PDB file of all heavy atoms in Angstrom:
ATOM      1  N   LYS A   1      10.578  -6.648  11.626  1.00  0.00           N
ATOM      2  CA  LYS A   1      11.929  -6.050  11.644  1.00  0.00           C
ATOM      3  C   LYS A   1      11.986  -4.656  11.026  1.00  0.00           C
ATOM      4  O   LYS A   1      13.032  -4.224  10.537  1.00  0.00           O
ATOM      5  CB  LYS A   1      12.920  -6.980  10.896  1.00  0.00           C
ATOM      6  CG  LYS A   1      12.919  -8.437  11.342  1.00  0.00           C
ATOM      7  CD  LYS A   1      13.566  -8.610  12.700  1.00  0.00           C
ATOM      8  CE  LYS A   1      13.822 -10.078  13.023  1.00  0.00           C
ATOM      9  NZ  LYS A   1      12.620 -10.893  13.099  1.00  0.00           N
ATOM     10  N   ILE A   2      10.853  -3.935  11.042  1.00  0.00           N
ATOM     11  CA  ILE A   2      10.829  -2.583  10.496  1.00  0.00           C
ATOM     12  C   ILE A   2      10.800  -1.563  11.650  1.00  0.00           C
ATOM     13  O   ILE A   2       9.934  -1.648  12.539  1.00  0.00           O
ATOM     14  CB  ILE A   2       9.573  -2.367   9.607  1.00  0.00           C
ATOM     15  CG1 ILE A   2       9.537  -3.394   8.464  1.00  0.00           C
ATOM     16  CG2 ILE A   2       9.566  -0.951   9.058  1.00  0.00           C
ATOM     17  CD1 ILE A   2       8.225  -3.347   7.677  1.00  0.00           C
ATOM     18  N   SER A   3      11.765  -0.656  11.644  1.00  0.00           N
ATOM     19  CA  SER A   3      11.800   0.367  12.671  1.00  0.00           C
ATOM     20  C   SER A   3      11.206   1.667  12.117  1.00  0.00           C
ATOM     21  O   SER A   3      11.093   1.850  10.900  1.00  0.00           O
ATOM     22  CB  SER A   3      13.241   0.624  13.119  1.00  0.00           C
ATOM     23  OG  SER A   3      13.971   1.251  12.106  1.00  0.00           O
ATOM     24  N   LYS A   4      10.868   2.567  13.033  1.00  0.00           N
ATOM     25  CA  LYS A   4      10.322   3.855  12.556  1.00  0.00           C
ATOM     26  C   LYS A   4      11.324   4.639  11.767  1.00  0.00           C
ATOM     27  O   LYS A   4      10.975   5.362  10.845  1.00  0.00           O
ATOM     28  CB  LYS A   4       9.820   4.656  13.761  1.00  0.00           C
ATOM     29  CG  LYS A   4       8.830   5.737  13.364  1.00  0.00           C
ATOM     30  CD  LYS A   4       7.999   6.264  14.507  1.00  0.00           C
ATOM     31  CE  LYS A   4       6.961   7.255  14.032  1.00  0.00           C
ATOM     32  NZ  LYS A   4       6.154   7.818  15.145  1.00  0.00           N
ATOM     33  N   ALA A   5      12.622   4.471  12.093  1.00  0.00           N
ATOM     34  CA  ALA A   5      13.684   5.146  11.307  1.00  0.00           C
ATOM     35  C   ALA A   5      13.698   4.683   9.867  1.00  0.00           C
ATOM     36  O   ALA A   5      14.030   5.457   8.954  1.00  0.00           O
ATOM     37  CB  ALA A   5      15.029   4.911  11.974  1.00  0.00           C
ATOM     38  N   ASP A   6      13.334   3.404   9.638  1.00  0.00           N
ATOM     39  CA  ASP A   6      13.294   2.878   8.275  1.00  0.00           C
ATOM     40  C   ASP A   6      12.226   3.556   7.430  1.00  0.00           C
ATOM     41  O   ASP A   6      12.242   3.467   6.186  1.00  0.00           O
ATOM     42  CB  ASP A   6      13.026   1.381   8.290  1.00  0.00           C
ATOM     43  CG  ASP A   6      14.116   0.578   8.966  1.00  0.00           C
ATOM     44  OD1 ASP A   6      15.291   0.994   8.903  1.00  0.00           O
ATOM     45  OD2 ASP A   6      13.804  -0.450   9.584  1.00  0.00           O
ATOM     46  N   LEU A   7      11.258   4.193   8.073  1.00  0.00           N
ATOM     47  CA  LEU A   7      10.081   4.708   7.373  1.00  0.00           C
ATOM     48  C   LEU A   7      10.051   6.238   7.267  1.00  0.00           C
ATOM     49  O   LEU A   7       9.104   6.815   6.697  1.00  0.00           O
ATOM     50  CB  LEU A   7       8.801   4.253   8.115  1.00  0.00           C
ATOM     51  CG  LEU A   7       8.703   2.765   8.350  1.00  0.00           C
ATOM     52  CD1 LEU A   7       7.539   2.453   9.283  1.00  0.00           C
ATOM     53  CD2 LEU A   7       8.500   1.997   7.041  1.00  0.00           C
ATOM     54  N   ALA A   8      11.058   6.895   7.777  1.00  0.00           N
ATOM     55  CA  ALA A   8      11.091   8.353   7.846  1.00  0.00           C
ATOM     56  C   ALA A   8      10.836   8.992   6.470  1.00  0.00           C
ATOM     57  O   ALA A   8      11.505   8.686   5.494  1.00  0.00           O
ATOM     58  CB  ALA A   8      12.416   8.854   8.431  1.00  0.00           C
ATOM     59  N   GLY A   9       9.830   9.842   6.420  1.00  0.00           N
ATOM     60  CA  GLY A   9       9.524  10.623   5.207  1.00  0.00           C
ATOM     61  C   GLY A   9       8.806   9.844   4.124  1.00  0.00           C
ATOM     62  O   GLY A   9       8.543  10.389   3.053  1.00  0.00           O
ATOM     63  N   GLN A  10       8.496   8.553   4.346  1.00  0.00           N
ATOM     64  CA  GLN A  10       7.868   7.750   3.293  1.00  0.00           C
ATOM     65  C   GLN A  10       6.353   7.777   3.382  1.00  0.00           C
ATOM     66  O   GLN A  10       5.781   7.975   4.468  1.00  0.00           O
ATOM     67  CB  GLN A  10       8.366   6.305   3.364  1.00  0.00           C
ATOM     68  CG  GLN A  10       9.879   6.149   3.137  1.00  0.00           C
ATOM     69  CD  GLN A  10      10.280   4.698   3.051  1.00  0.00           C
ATOM     70  OE1 GLN A  10       9.806   3.944   2.204  1.00  0.00           O
ATOM     71  NE2 GLN A  10      11.202   4.289   3.917  1.00  0.00           N
ATOM     72  N   ASP A  11       5.678   7.495   2.274  1.00  0.00           N
ATOM     73  CA  ASP A  11       4.228   7.381   2.245  1.00  0.00           C
ATOM     74  C   ASP A  11       3.847   6.444   1.112  1.00  0.00           C
ATOM     75  O   ASP A  11       4.598   6.279   0.140  1.00  0.00           O
ATOM     76  CB  ASP A  11       3.567   8.733   2.031  1.00  0.00           C
ATOM     77  CG  ASP A  11       2.081   8.732   2.400  1.00  0.00           C
ATOM     78  OD1 ASP A  11       1.608   7.704   2.901  1.00  0.00           O
ATOM     79  OD2 ASP A  11       1.408   9.767   2.176  1.00  0.00           O
ATOM     80  N   PHE A  12       2.685   5.822   1.234  1.00  0.00           N
ATOM     81  CA  PHE A  12       2.176   4.978   0.164  1.00  0.00           C
ATOM     82  C   PHE A  12       1.890   5.857  -1.062  1.00  0.00           C
ATOM     83  O   PHE A  12       1.567   7.044  -0.943  1.00  0.00           O
ATOM     84  CB  PHE A  12       0.899   4.274   0.591  1.00  0.00           C
ATOM     85  CG  PHE A  12       1.055   3.288   1.698  1.00  0.00           C
ATOM     86  CD1 PHE A  12      -0.053   2.954   2.489  1.00  0.00           C
ATOM     87  CD2 PHE A  12       2.264   2.659   1.977  1.00  0.00           C
ATOM     88  CE1 PHE A  12       0.059   2.033   3.527  1.00  0.00           C
ATOM     89  CE2 PHE A  12       2.394   1.735   2.994  1.00  0.00           C
ATOM     90  CZ  PHE A  12       1.273   1.432   3.754  1.00  0.00           C
ATOM     91  N   ASP A  13       1.962   5.230  -2.240  1.00  0.00           N
ATOM     92  CA  ASP A  13       1.448   5.861  -3.449  1.00  0.00           C
ATOM     93  C   ASP A  13      -0.052   5.603  -3.460  1.00  0.00           C
ATOM     94  O   ASP A  13      -0.529   4.604  -4.019  1.00  0.00           O
ATOM     95  CB  ASP A  13       2.143   5.244  -4.686  1.00  0.00           C
ATOM     96  CG  ASP A  13       1.726   5.905  -5.976  1.00  0.00           C
ATOM     97  OD1 ASP A  13       0.660   6.558  -5.997  1.00  0.00           O
ATOM     98  OD2 ASP A  13       2.434   5.750  -6.976  1.00  0.00           O
ATOM     99  N   HIS A  14      -0.794   6.519  -2.838  1.00  0.00           N
ATOM    100  CA  HIS A  14      -2.232   6.289  -2.617  1.00  0.00           C
ATOM    101  C   HIS A  14      -2.993   6.175  -3.934  1.00  0.00           C
ATOM    102  O   HIS A  14      -3.957   5.419  -4.064  1.00  0.00           O
ATOM    103  CB  HIS A  14      -2.811   7.379  -1.774  1.00  0.00           C
ATOM    104  CG  HIS A  14      -2.230   7.432  -0.376  1.00  0.00           C
ATOM    105  ND1 HIS A  14      -2.489   6.420   0.543  1.00  0.00           N
ATOM    106  CD2 HIS A  14      -1.428   8.322   0.242  1.00  0.00           C
ATOM    107  CE1 HIS A  14      -1.858   6.722   1.681  1.00  0.00           C
ATOM    108  NE2 HIS A  14      -1.163   7.844   1.513  1.00  0.00           N
ATOM    109  N   GLU A  15      -2.561   6.930  -4.918  1.00  0.00           N
ATOM    110  CA  GLU A  15      -3.229   6.854  -6.237  1.00  0.00           C
ATOM    111  C   GLU A  15      -3.064   5.490  -6.858  1.00  0.00           C
ATOM    112  O   GLU A  15      -3.998   4.920  -7.415  1.00  0.00           O
ATOM    113  CB  GLU A  15      -2.690   7.959  -7.162  1.00  0.00           C
ATOM    114  CG  GLU A  15      -3.387   7.999  -8.518  1.00  0.00           C
ATOM    115  CD  GLU A  15      -2.876   9.144  -9.394  1.00  0.00           C
ATOM    116  OE1 GLU A  15      -2.156   9.999  -8.869  1.00  0.00           O
ATOM    117  OE2 GLU A  15      -3.224   9.145 -10.586  1.00  0.00           O
ATOM    118  N   LYS A  16      -1.836   4.952  -6.745  1.00  0.00           N
ATOM    119  CA  LYS A  16      -1.555   3.619  -7.293  1.00  0.00           C
ATOM    120  C   LYS A  16      -2.375   2.555  -6.580  1.00  0.00           C
ATOM    121  O   LYS A  16      -2.957   1.678  -7.218  1.00  0.00           O
ATOM    122  CB  LYS A  16      -0.063   3.320  -7.142  1.00  0.00           C
ATOM    123  CG  LYS A  16       0.359   1.937  -7.585  1.00  0.00           C
ATOM    124  CD  LYS A  16       0.333   1.785  -9.085  1.00  0.00           C
ATOM    125  CE  LYS A  16       0.974   0.468  -9.500  1.00  0.00           C
ATOM    126  NZ  LYS A  16       0.987   0.304 -10.969  1.00  0.00           N
ATOM    127  N   VAL A  17      -2.416   2.627  -5.254  1.00  0.00           N
ATOM    128  CA  VAL A  17      -3.184   1.652  -4.482  1.00  0.00           C
ATOM    129  C   VAL A  17      -4.663   1.739  -4.832  1.00  0.00           C
ATOM    130  O   VAL A  17      -5.334   0.720  -5.032  1.00  0.00           O
ATOM    131  CB  VAL A  17      -2.966   1.859  -2.965  1.00  0.00           C
ATOM    132  CG1 VAL A  17      -3.875   0.932  -2.164  1.00  0.00           C
ATOM    133  CG2 VAL A  17      -1.519   1.612  -2.579  1.00  0.00           C
ATOM    134  N   ALA A  18      -5.173   2.970  -4.964  1.00  0.00           N
ATOM    135  CA  ALA A  18      -6.586   3.152  -5.294  1.00  0.00           C
ATOM    136  C   ALA A  18      -6.933   2.556  -6.650  1.00  0.00           C
ATOM    137  O   ALA A  18      -7.997   1.971  -6.842  1.00  0.00           O
ATOM    138  CB  ALA A  18      -6.929   4.630  -5.270  1.00  0.00           C
ATOM    139  N   VAL A  19      -6.009   2.687  -7.621  1.00  0.00           N
ATOM    140  CA  VAL A  19      -6.241   2.110  -8.954  1.00  0.00           C
ATOM    141  C   VAL A  19      -6.266   0.583  -8.855  1.00  0.00           C
ATOM    142  O   VAL A  19      -7.140  -0.079  -9.480  1.00  0.00           O
ATOM    143  CB  VAL A  19      -5.144   2.571  -9.918  1.00  0.00           C
ATOM    144  CG1 VAL A  19      -5.201   1.766 -11.212  1.00  0.00           C
ATOM    145  CG2 VAL A  19      -5.303   4.062 -10.238  1.00  0.00           C
ATOM    146  N   LEU A  20      -5.344  -0.012  -8.122  1.00  0.00           N
ATOM    147  CA  LEU A  20      -5.330  -1.475  -7.965  1.00  0.00           C
ATOM    148  C   LEU A  20      -6.620  -1.957  -7.321  1.00  0.00           C
ATOM    149  O   LEU A  20      -7.225  -2.958  -7.778  1.00  0.00           O
ATOM    150  CB  LEU A  20      -4.138  -1.897  -7.110  1.00  0.00           C
ATOM    151  CG  LEU A  20      -2.766  -1.859  -7.778  1.00  0.00           C
ATOM    152  CD1 LEU A  20      -1.671  -2.055  -6.756  1.00  0.00           C
ATOM    153  CD2 LEU A  20      -2.667  -2.919  -8.884  1.00  0.00           C
ATOM    154  N   LEU A  21      -7.072  -1.267  -6.289  1.00  0.00           N
ATOM    155  CA  LEU A  21      -8.293  -1.648  -5.600  1.00  0.00           C
ATOM    156  C   LEU A  21      -9.507  -1.529  -6.564  1.00  0.00           C
ATOM    157  O   LEU A  21     -10.390  -2.379  -6.580  1.00  0.00           O
ATOM    158  CB  LEU A  21      -8.519  -0.808  -4.371  1.00  0.00           C
ATOM    159  CG  LEU A  21      -7.523  -0.997  -3.220  1.00  0.00           C
ATOM    160  CD1 LEU A  21      -7.775   0.021  -2.103  1.00  0.00           C
ATOM    161  CD2 LEU A  21      -7.587  -2.410  -2.679  1.00  0.00           C
ATOM    162  N   SER A  22      -9.520  -0.459  -7.322  1.00  0.00           N
ATOM    163  CA  SER A  22     -10.625  -0.215  -8.260  1.00  0.00           C
ATOM    164  C   SER A  22     -10.682  -1.272  -9.345  1.00  0.00           C
ATOM    165  O   SER A  22     -11.758  -1.709  -9.768  1.00  0.00           O
ATOM    166  CB  SER A  22     -10.484   1.180  -8.863  1.00  0.00           C
ATOM    167  OG  SER A  22     -11.480   1.399  -9.837  1.00  0.00           O
ATOM    168  N   ASN A  23      -9.516  -1.716  -9.826  1.00  0.00           N
ATOM    169  CA  ASN A  23      -9.472  -2.682 -10.925  1.00  0.00           C
ATOM    170  C   ASN A  23      -9.762  -4.108 -10.495  1.00  0.00           C
ATOM    171  O   ASN A  23     -10.041  -4.965 -11.334  1.00  0.00           O
ATOM    172  CB  ASN A  23      -8.099  -2.632 -11.612  1.00  0.00           C
ATOM    173  CG  ASN A  23      -7.920  -1.371 -12.449  1.00  0.00           C
ATOM    174  OD1 ASN A  23      -8.896  -0.743 -12.865  1.00  0.00           O
ATOM    175  ND2 ASN A  23      -6.670  -0.964 -12.679  1.00  0.00           N
ATOM    176  N   ALA A  24      -9.668  -4.369  -9.199  1.00  0.00           N
ATOM    177  CA  ALA A  24      -9.811  -5.734  -8.716  1.00  0.00           C
ATOM    178  C   ALA A  24     -11.272  -6.141  -8.648  1.00  0.00           C
ATOM    179  O   ALA A  24     -12.123  -5.416  -8.133  1.00  0.00           O
ATOM    180  CB  ALA A  24      -9.195  -5.859  -7.327  1.00  0.00           C
ATOM    181  N   ASP A  25     -11.582  -7.330  -9.160  1.00  0.00           N
ATOM    182  CA  ASP A  25     -12.902  -7.937  -8.970  1.00  0.00           C
ATOM    183  C   ASP A  25     -13.001  -8.605  -7.601  1.00  0.00           C
ATOM    184  O   ASP A  25     -14.065  -8.599  -6.982  1.00  0.00           O
ATOM    185  CB  ASP A  25     -13.170  -8.947 -10.083  1.00  0.00           C
ATOM    186  CG  ASP A  25     -13.187  -8.358 -11.444  1.00  0.00           C
ATOM    187  OD1 ASP A  25     -13.838  -7.312 -11.641  1.00  0.00           O
ATOM    188  OD2 ASP A  25     -12.516  -8.907 -12.356  1.00  0.00           O
ATOM    189  N   VAL A  26     -11.894  -9.184  -7.182  1.00  0.00           N
ATOM    190  CA  VAL A  26     -11.836  -9.899  -5.895  1.00  0.00           C
ATOM    191  C   VAL A  26     -10.505  -9.547  -5.233  1.00  0.00           C
ATOM    192  O   VAL A  26      -9.466  -9.515  -5.891  1.00  0.00           O
ATOM    193  CB  VAL A  26     -11.937 -11.430  -6.101  1.00  0.00           C
ATOM    194  CG1 VAL A  26     -11.797 -12.153  -4.755  1.00  0.00           C
ATOM    195  CG2 VAL A  26     -13.240 -11.788  -6.779  1.00  0.00           C
ATOM    196  N   ILE A  27     -10.521  -9.325  -3.909  1.00  0.00           N
ATOM    197  CA  ILE A  27      -9.316  -9.142  -3.124  1.00  0.00           C
ATOM    198  C   ILE A  27      -9.099 -10.369  -2.260  1.00  0.00           C
ATOM    199  O   ILE A  27     -10.026 -10.824  -1.591  1.00  0.00           O
ATOM    200  CB  ILE A  27      -9.414  -7.868  -2.233  1.00  0.00           C
ATOM    201  CG1 ILE A  27      -9.665  -6.629  -3.075  1.00  0.00           C
ATOM    202  CG2 ILE A  27      -8.146  -7.731  -1.403  1.00  0.00           C
ATOM    203  CD1 ILE A  27      -9.893  -5.373  -2.233  1.00  0.00           C
ATOM    204  N   VAL A  28      -7.880 -10.907  -2.271  1.00  0.00           N
ATOM    205  CA  VAL A  28      -7.545 -12.067  -1.465  1.00  0.00           C
ATOM    206  C   VAL A  28      -6.472 -11.688  -0.474  1.00  0.00           C
ATOM    207  O   VAL A  28      -5.465 -11.094  -0.814  1.00  0.00           O
ATOM    208  CB  VAL A  28      -7.052 -13.231  -2.346  1.00  0.00           C
ATOM    209  CG1 VAL A  28      -6.657 -14.445  -1.475  1.00  0.00           C
ATOM    210  CG2 VAL A  28      -8.119 -13.645  -3.346  1.00  0.00           C
ATOM    211  N   ALA A  29      -6.682 -12.048   0.798  1.00  0.00           N
ATOM    212  CA  ALA A  29      -5.696 -11.795   1.844  1.00  0.00           C
ATOM    213  C   ALA A  29      -5.680 -12.995   2.786  1.00  0.00           C
ATOM    214  O   ALA A  29      -6.669 -13.695   2.931  1.00  0.00           O
ATOM    215  CB  ALA A  29      -5.999 -10.509   2.614  1.00  0.00           C
ATOM    216  N   HIS A  30      -4.506 -13.211   3.427  1.00  0.00           N
ATOM    217  CA  HIS A  30      -4.423 -14.345   4.326  1.00  0.00           C
ATOM    218  C   HIS A  30      -5.070 -14.084   5.682  1.00  0.00           C
ATOM    219  O   HIS A  30      -5.265 -14.997   6.482  1.00  0.00           O
ATOM    220  CB  HIS A  30      -2.964 -14.793   4.518  1.00  0.00           C
ATOM    221  CG  HIS A  30      -2.856 -16.178   5.072  1.00  0.00           C
ATOM    222  ND1 HIS A  30      -3.364 -17.269   4.419  1.00  0.00           N
ATOM    223  CD2 HIS A  30      -2.310 -16.638   6.216  1.00  0.00           C
ATOM    224  CE1 HIS A  30      -3.139 -18.357   5.131  1.00  0.00           C
ATOM    225  NE2 HIS A  30      -2.522 -18.007   6.242  1.00  0.00           N
TER     226      HIS A  30
END
């Protein structure tokens, strides 16, 4: 239920995501 209009001008906080990935010993996804 996400439209492209809902996302206009947005971006991930790549630095935050990179820190989470770096700190993780294990990543779990479904």
